[in-house]
């Protein structure tokens, strides 16, 4: 990620400033411009979004995946733009920032959030993990398909891993999936995905 501005700004100012055409986040008052993702990153993101969207449609759930919505921790001057954000349309009536700023602040509005790991892996494993837990988001995936995260998360030697954090008594409990392990998602229990499926999809090429 490349830092865009260095002075601390409140979320309200960030939301008004945020230009179209770029991807920006606010980290404790600092505006950060997100680097252009790699093709592999976009491949993984698109694949997962299609699989989850298909399950949403099949199960007739009141969920959707917005393109540019933000997640704001209520007690922090931060605003995150997840790789995949699943929003519960039923709770948007309770979201004070939704209509004007397409921003969600409540765990009841966010059944699932996914980050596909890139070079800024510490943000996903530390900063966002803690903030998403504090918001009360029931389920958080960290998809580390290239095994770039730290060994404390991926083992030694490091392996491509999908870490699924589920909220239990207001704290995240993690389950990790590698190779042909069938992913266990509390939100989408019938989702039939493995880490190897993502790997094979990447190797297929354009």
Protein backbone atom coordinates (compact mmCIF):
# COMPACT_ATOMS: atom_id res chain seq x y z
CA UNK A 1 0.00 0.00 0.00
CA UNK A 2 1.06 3.58 -0.65
CA UNK A 3 0.28 6.29 1.84
CA UNK A 4 -1.79 9.05 0.21
CA UNK A 5 -1.94 11.69 2.96
CA UNK A 6 -0.13 11.91 6.29
CA UNK A 7 -2.33 14.23 8.36
CA UNK A 8 -4.98 12.65 10.54
CA UNK A 9 -8.52 13.10 9.22
CA UNK A 10 -11.89 12.05 10.64
CA UNK A 11 -13.94 9.43 8.84
CA UNK A 12 -16.59 11.97 7.77
CA UNK A 13 -13.96 14.02 5.94
CA UNK A 14 -12.46 10.89 4.40
CA UNK A 15 -15.85 9.77 3.08
CA UNK A 16 -16.43 13.16 1.46
CA UNK A 17 -12.89 13.33 0.04
CA UNK A 18 -12.70 9.76 -1.29
CA UNK A 19 -12.48 10.03 -5.10
CA UNK A 20 -13.99 7.59 -7.56
CA UNK A 21 -11.71 5.46 -9.69
CA UNK A 22 -9.26 4.59 -6.91
CA UNK A 23 -9.34 2.40 -3.84
CA UNK A 24 -8.59 4.04 -0.53
CA UNK A 25 -8.83 3.12 3.13
CA UNK A 26 -8.62 5.11 6.34
CA UNK A 27 -6.35 3.65 9.02
CA UNK A 28 -6.73 5.49 12.33
CA UNK A 29 -7.04 8.85 10.63
CA UNK A 30 -4.46 8.24 7.89
CA UNK A 31 -5.69 7.96 4.30
CA UNK A 32 -4.02 5.11 2.46
CA UNK A 33 -4.14 4.44 -1.27
CA UNK A 34 -4.33 0.73 -2.01
CA UNK A 35 -1.86 -0.56 -4.58
CA UNK A 36 -3.08 -2.05 -7.84
CA UNK A 37 -3.79 -5.76 -7.21
CA UNK A 38 -2.08 -8.48 -9.21
CA UNK A 39 -3.90 -10.60 -11.75
CA UNK A 40 -3.77 -13.60 -9.41
CA UNK A 41 -5.34 -11.54 -6.63
CA UNK A 42 -8.20 -10.54 -8.94
CA UNK A 43 -8.61 -14.14 -10.15
CA UNK A 44 -9.04 -15.42 -6.59
CA UNK A 45 -11.36 -12.57 -5.65
CA UNK A 46 -13.57 -13.09 -8.71
CA UNK A 47 -13.72 -16.86 -8.22
CA UNK A 48 -14.78 -16.57 -4.58
CA UNK A 49 -17.31 -13.82 -5.27
CA UNK A 50 -18.99 -15.97 -7.94
CA UNK A 51 -19.15 -19.04 -5.67
CA UNK A 52 -20.59 -17.07 -2.76
CA UNK A 53 -23.05 -15.17 -4.96
CA UNK A 54 -24.33 -18.47 -6.33
CA UNK A 55 -24.96 -19.72 -2.78
CA UNK A 56 -26.73 -16.48 -1.83
CA UNK A 57 -29.04 -16.86 -4.81
CA UNK A 58 -29.64 -20.57 -4.26
CA UNK A 59 -30.54 -20.10 -0.60
CA UNK A 60 -32.66 -16.96 -1.22
CA UNK A 61 -30.70 -15.02 1.40
CA UNK A 62 -31.17 -11.23 1.82
CA UNK A 63 -27.45 -10.73 1.13
CA UNK A 64 -25.49 -9.00 -1.62
CA UNK A 65 -21.87 -8.11 -2.42
CA UNK A 66 -21.41 -4.35 -3.00
CA UNK A 67 -18.60 -3.04 -5.15
CA UNK A 68 -17.16 -0.14 -3.15
CA UNK A 69 -18.84 -0.12 0.29
CA UNK A 70 -16.77 0.56 3.40
CA UNK A 71 -16.62 -1.04 6.84
CA UNK A 72 -16.15 1.42 9.72
CA UNK A 73 -15.32 0.39 13.28
CA UNK A 74 -17.67 2.57 15.40
CA UNK A 75 -15.01 3.78 17.84
CA UNK A 76 -12.16 4.37 15.36
CA UNK A 77 -11.44 6.87 12.61
CA UNK A 78 -10.94 4.02 10.16
CA UNK A 79 -12.73 2.78 7.08
CA UNK A 80 -11.84 -0.45 5.32
CA UNK A 81 -12.59 -1.62 1.78
CA UNK A 82 -12.62 -5.44 2.00
CA UNK A 83 -11.87 -7.59 -1.02
CA UNK A 84 -15.28 -9.24 -0.57
CA UNK A 85 -17.95 -7.77 1.69
CA UNK A 86 -21.22 -9.67 2.12
CA UNK A 87 -23.95 -7.31 3.33
CA UNK A 88 -27.23 -8.25 4.99
CA UNK A 89 -29.80 -6.00 3.31
CA UNK A 90 -32.27 -6.62 6.16
CA UNK A 91 -30.18 -4.63 8.66
CA UNK A 92 -29.34 -1.63 6.50
CA UNK A 93 -32.29 0.28 7.94
CA UNK A 94 -30.26 0.42 11.18
CA UNK A 95 -27.08 1.68 9.52
CA UNK A 96 -26.69 5.46 9.95
CA UNK A 97 -24.01 5.84 7.26
CA UNK A 98 -25.40 3.54 4.59
CA UNK A 99 -27.61 5.83 2.50
CA UNK A 100 -25.15 8.68 2.07
CA UNK A 101 -21.78 6.97 2.42
CA UNK A 102 -22.40 3.28 1.59
CA UNK A 103 -20.74 2.38 4.89
CA UNK A 104 -21.64 -0.35 7.37
CA UNK A 105 -20.72 -0.28 11.05
CA UNK A 106 -22.60 -3.19 12.65
CA UNK A 107 -21.85 -6.88 12.77
CA UNK A 108 -25.52 -7.61 12.06
CA UNK A 109 -25.04 -6.04 8.63
CA UNK A 110 -21.95 -8.09 7.73
CA UNK A 111 -22.36 -11.87 7.78
CA UNK A 112 -19.02 -12.41 6.05
CA UNK A 113 -15.94 -10.42 5.05
CA UNK A 114 -12.99 -11.76 3.04
CA UNK A 115 -9.48 -10.43 2.54
CA UNK A 116 -7.25 -11.96 -0.15
CA UNK A 117 -3.71 -11.54 1.14
CA UNK A 118 -1.12 -9.51 -0.76
CA UNK A 119 2.09 -7.80 0.33
CA UNK A 120 0.31 -5.90 3.13
CA UNK A 121 -0.43 -9.14 4.97
CA UNK A 122 0.06 -7.63 8.42
CA UNK A 123 -3.03 -5.45 7.90
CA UNK A 124 -5.14 -8.57 7.27
CA UNK A 125 -3.72 -10.74 10.06
CA UNK A 126 -3.39 -8.06 12.73
CA UNK A 127 -5.17 -4.74 12.16
CA UNK A 128 -8.29 -5.89 10.34
CA UNK A 129 -8.60 -9.08 12.34
CA UNK A 130 -8.85 -7.06 15.55
CA UNK A 131 -11.17 -4.44 14.11
CA UNK A 132 -13.55 -6.94 12.47
CA UNK A 133 -13.71 -8.85 15.76
CA UNK A 134 -14.51 -5.62 17.64
CA UNK A 135 -17.31 -4.78 15.20
CA UNK A 136 -18.79 -8.23 15.78
CA UNK A 137 -18.55 -9.55 12.23
CA UNK A 138 -19.53 -13.23 12.58
CA UNK A 139 -17.12 -14.61 9.98
CA UNK A 140 -13.81 -13.39 8.51
CA UNK A 141 -11.76 -15.22 5.89
CA UNK A 142 -8.07 -14.59 5.23
CA UNK A 143 -7.25 -16.22 1.90
CA UNK A 144 -3.48 -16.54 1.70
CA UNK A 145 -3.21 -18.37 -1.63
CA UNK A 146 0.44 -17.40 -2.17
CA UNK A 147 1.56 -18.09 1.42
CA UNK A 148 2.99 -14.60 1.99
CA UNK A 149 1.89 -14.24 5.63
CA UNK A 150 4.04 -14.96 8.66
CA UNK A 151 5.04 -18.47 9.72
CA UNK A 152 3.08 -18.10 12.95
CA UNK A 153 -0.06 -18.18 10.76
CA UNK A 154 0.99 -20.50 7.93
CA UNK A 155 3.36 -22.95 9.57
CA UNK A 156 6.99 -23.72 8.73
CA UNK A 157 7.48 -24.26 5.86
CA UNK A 158 4.71 -21.86 4.88
CA UNK A 159 1.75 -23.27 2.96
CA UNK A 160 -1.15 -21.65 1.09
CA UNK A 161 -3.89 -21.43 3.73
CA UNK A 162 -7.46 -20.26 4.09
CA UNK A 163 -8.05 -19.11 7.66
CA UNK A 164 -11.68 -18.77 8.73
CA UNK A 165 -12.27 -16.77 11.91
CA UNK A 166 -15.66 -17.37 13.53
CA UNK A 167 -17.03 -15.21 16.33
CA UNK A 168 -17.58 -17.24 19.52
CA UNK A 169 -18.59 -15.31 22.64
CA UNK A 170 -17.32 -12.06 21.08
CA UNK A 171 -13.90 -13.53 20.23
CA UNK A 172 -12.61 -15.05 17.01
CA UNK A 173 -11.77 -18.73 16.88
CA UNK A 174 -9.79 -19.82 13.83
CA UNK A 175 -10.02 -22.91 11.63
CA UNK A 176 -7.44 -23.36 8.88
CA UNK A 177 -7.78 -25.19 5.60
CA UNK A 178 -5.05 -26.38 3.23
CA UNK A 179 -4.70 -28.61 0.18
CA UNK A 180 -7.90 -30.68 -0.24
CA UNK A 181 -9.46 -29.72 3.10
CA UNK A 182 -13.12 -28.85 2.54
CA UNK A 183 -13.69 -25.30 3.76
CA UNK A 184 -16.07 -25.06 6.71
CA UNK A 185 -18.03 -21.81 6.57
CA UNK A 186 -20.61 -21.15 9.31
CA UNK A 187 -22.39 -18.64 7.05
CA UNK A 188 -22.39 -20.88 3.96
CA UNK A 189 -22.15 -24.45 5.29
CA UNK A 190 -22.92 -26.01 1.91
CA UNK A 191 -20.15 -24.14 0.12
CA UNK A 192 -17.95 -26.82 -1.44
CA UNK A 193 -14.49 -25.27 -1.80
CA UNK A 194 -10.90 -26.31 -1.12
CA UNK A 195 -7.61 -24.43 -1.17
CA UNK A 196 -6.48 -26.64 -4.05
CA UNK A 197 -9.45 -25.53 -6.15
CA UNK A 198 -8.16 -21.98 -5.98
CA UNK A 199 -4.64 -23.12 -6.85
CA UNK A 200 -5.85 -25.12 -9.86
CA UNK A 201 -7.93 -22.17 -11.07
CA UNK A 202 -4.84 -19.94 -11.03
CA UNK A 203 -2.72 -22.45 -12.95
CA UNK A 204 -5.30 -22.73 -15.71
CA UNK A 205 -4.32 -19.27 -16.97
CA UNK A 206 -6.33 -17.02 -19.31
